[in-house]
């Protein structure tokens, strides 16, 4: 049958019907308007030439044979050769169009490959080989690479991007290289972090004090991996770095402070975390949602949400001597949402926009039978009117 064969042939040879004009405009959103118009004019001209030459009648019968297809393709090639000057697009414009399409596809691919080191490096190498110098995507990829356990890839990516920034192929966003180094420190890529730090200080892009949060993160991780058995000796370098950090806390951005909170949370160093939060409050440094998220991750290891009661008389008698915090308030003011927020869980306590959704006393015991973090209990209760 001709239908699909004819369509694929005409589309592949740049022939479009006038009815497809609007469709083409809606599909070609990645191209500038003037470029779309020139392509459409060229396609329509080819189509009209085919109609005038009777070429379309050749492929509009009920069946089409291979010989006919070959003849149509030969005639089409001749027509395209004749029409080539009128439909030629500037080579530079064509390259821009191709890069725009490639960048769009690479961004989509990146969204699905954030946790895959091999795919991330494939995207990076593809951008590098095609010279697609997109700052946003490159910096996202570099920050993702800094989370993976590969000093080699992190060093390679930094050297490339820093070199392109020096010669002007890209213009890195403000303090990007500092953020990259601090992330490498926080994620255990110490060789890369020290290399970047040395270069940035040499080139007067950053000062040694700018890397203090990174040094604290490194000290925290090394205190947990050292073979020293004496706890006091093991923690001494870490506590010294934390003490210096507390002294200069007001000079650090909250994003860099959060790296330290995250590192402390990773090893459930709750005492040090609360000391740091006390220091932030004393120096009137405002935390953000990320700070509280890392805090919740540190102090909540497990949650037991099995116990509930209908009335005060039915309250469970627990043998655990732990703090219990009850959230009391009117219906639909967000008591259950607050429990979820403090535990950093999305749907632990059931929530609804309808008043009176919570009908029982719900007990949420955190860190039951844990020794590394303190146990406690949140109680979510029905609304009071």
Foldseek 3Di string as FASTA:
>chain_A
DLVVVVVVLLVVLLADDPVCLVVQVVVLPLADPVLSVLSVVLNPVLNVVCVVVVVVVLRPDPDHDPVSSVVSVVVSVVSCVVCVVSNPDPPVSVLVSVLSVVVVVLVVQCVVCLPPPVSLVVSVVVCVVSVSPDQVSLLSSLLSVLQDDDLPVNQVSCVVVVVCCVVVSYPHPQCSLLVSLLSNLLNVSPVSSVVSVVVCVVVVNDDPVSCLLSVLSNLLVQLVVDPDPPNCVSCVVNVVSLVVCLVCVVVHDLVSVLSNLLSCLVVLVLVSLVVSVVSCVVVVNDHDLSSLLSNLSSQFDDKDWPDKAQDPVGHDDDPDPAAEAEDAAAWQPCQQVVVCSNNVHDCSDPDDNDTFPFRIWIKIWGPVPHDSHGIYIYIYHHYDD
